[in-house]
Protein backbone atom coordinates (compact mmCIF):
# COMPACT_ATOMS: atom_id res chain seq x y z
CA MET A 1 0.00 0.00 0.00
CA GLU A 2 1.31 3.44 -0.92
CA GLN A 3 2.03 5.64 2.09
CA THR A 4 1.22 9.33 2.04
CA ASN A 5 1.94 12.22 4.34
CA ASN A 6 -1.76 12.65 5.00
CA LYS A 7 -2.77 9.95 7.48
CA PHE A 8 -6.46 10.49 6.67
CA SER A 9 -6.14 10.08 2.89
CA LEU A 10 -7.63 6.57 3.03
CA PHE A 11 -10.72 7.85 4.85
CA GLU A 12 -11.20 10.62 2.31
CA LYS A 13 -11.53 8.03 -0.47
CA TYR A 14 -14.71 6.45 0.90
CA ILE A 15 -18.22 7.61 1.78
CA ASN A 16 -20.41 5.93 4.37
CA LYS A 17 -23.46 4.10 2.98
CA ASP A 18 -25.83 6.03 5.25
CA GLU A 19 -24.50 9.40 4.05
CA LEU A 20 -24.69 8.42 0.37
CA GLN A 21 -28.12 6.84 0.82
CA LYS A 22 -29.46 10.01 2.44
CA PHE A 23 -27.92 12.22 -0.26
CA LEU A 24 -29.43 10.13 -3.07
CA GLY A 25 -32.75 9.56 -1.30
CA PHE A 26 -32.50 5.80 -1.87
CA GLY A 27 -33.78 2.94 0.31
CA ASN A 28 -31.78 -0.17 1.20
CA THR A 29 -32.96 -2.16 -1.83
CA LYS A 30 -32.16 0.67 -4.25
CA MET A 31 -28.67 1.01 -2.72
CA CYS A 32 -28.00 -2.67 -3.48
CA VAL A 33 -29.22 -2.21 -7.07
CA PHE A 34 -27.15 1.00 -7.30
CA HIS A 35 -24.00 -0.92 -6.36
CA LYS A 36 -24.62 -3.73 -8.84
CA GLU A 37 -26.02 -1.73 -11.76
CA TYR A 38 -23.41 1.04 -11.77
CA LYS A 39 -20.45 -1.09 -10.61
CA ILE A 40 -19.72 1.09 -7.59
CA LYS A 41 -17.00 -0.50 -5.47
CA ARG A 42 -17.77 -0.94 -1.80
CA VAL A 43 -16.06 -2.21 1.31
CA LYS A 44 -17.78 -3.84 4.25
CA LEU A 45 -16.21 -3.55 7.70
CA GLY A 46 -18.34 -5.33 10.27
CA LYS A 47 -21.85 -4.01 9.72
CA LYS A 48 -20.74 -0.78 8.01
CA ILE A 49 -20.57 -0.35 4.24
CA PHE A 50 -18.42 2.25 2.51
CA TYR A 51 -18.48 3.24 -1.18
CA LEU A 52 -15.50 4.43 -3.18
CA LYS A 53 -16.04 8.17 -3.76
CA GLU A 54 -14.14 8.01 -7.04
CA ASP A 55 -16.75 5.62 -8.49
CA VAL A 56 -19.65 7.78 -7.30
CA GLU A 57 -18.02 10.90 -8.80
CA ARG A 58 -17.43 9.02 -12.06
CA LEU A 59 -21.11 8.14 -12.22
CA PHE A 60 -22.11 11.78 -11.72
CA ASN A 61 -19.62 12.97 -14.33
CA GLU A 62 -20.87 10.44 -16.90
CA SER A 63 -24.55 11.23 -16.26
CA LYS A 64 -26.67 13.44 -18.44
CA ILE A 65 -26.88 17.07 -17.30
CA LEU A 66 -30.45 18.36 -17.17
CA GLN A 67 -31.25 21.94 -18.12
């Protein structure tokens, strides 16, 4: 694993499922579909799930912009 000067850099790369779910307005089932359909990487530590922010940002950047 690459070491950086910023000891919190790892934590800045992930977003908590609850935070993302609230932001998107999704329920638990939709979050599971979201992960599978859009190939968003996630990590499970105990009962907590974290999503890779880079994948979520990629999805937003690739999405159609509404006017």
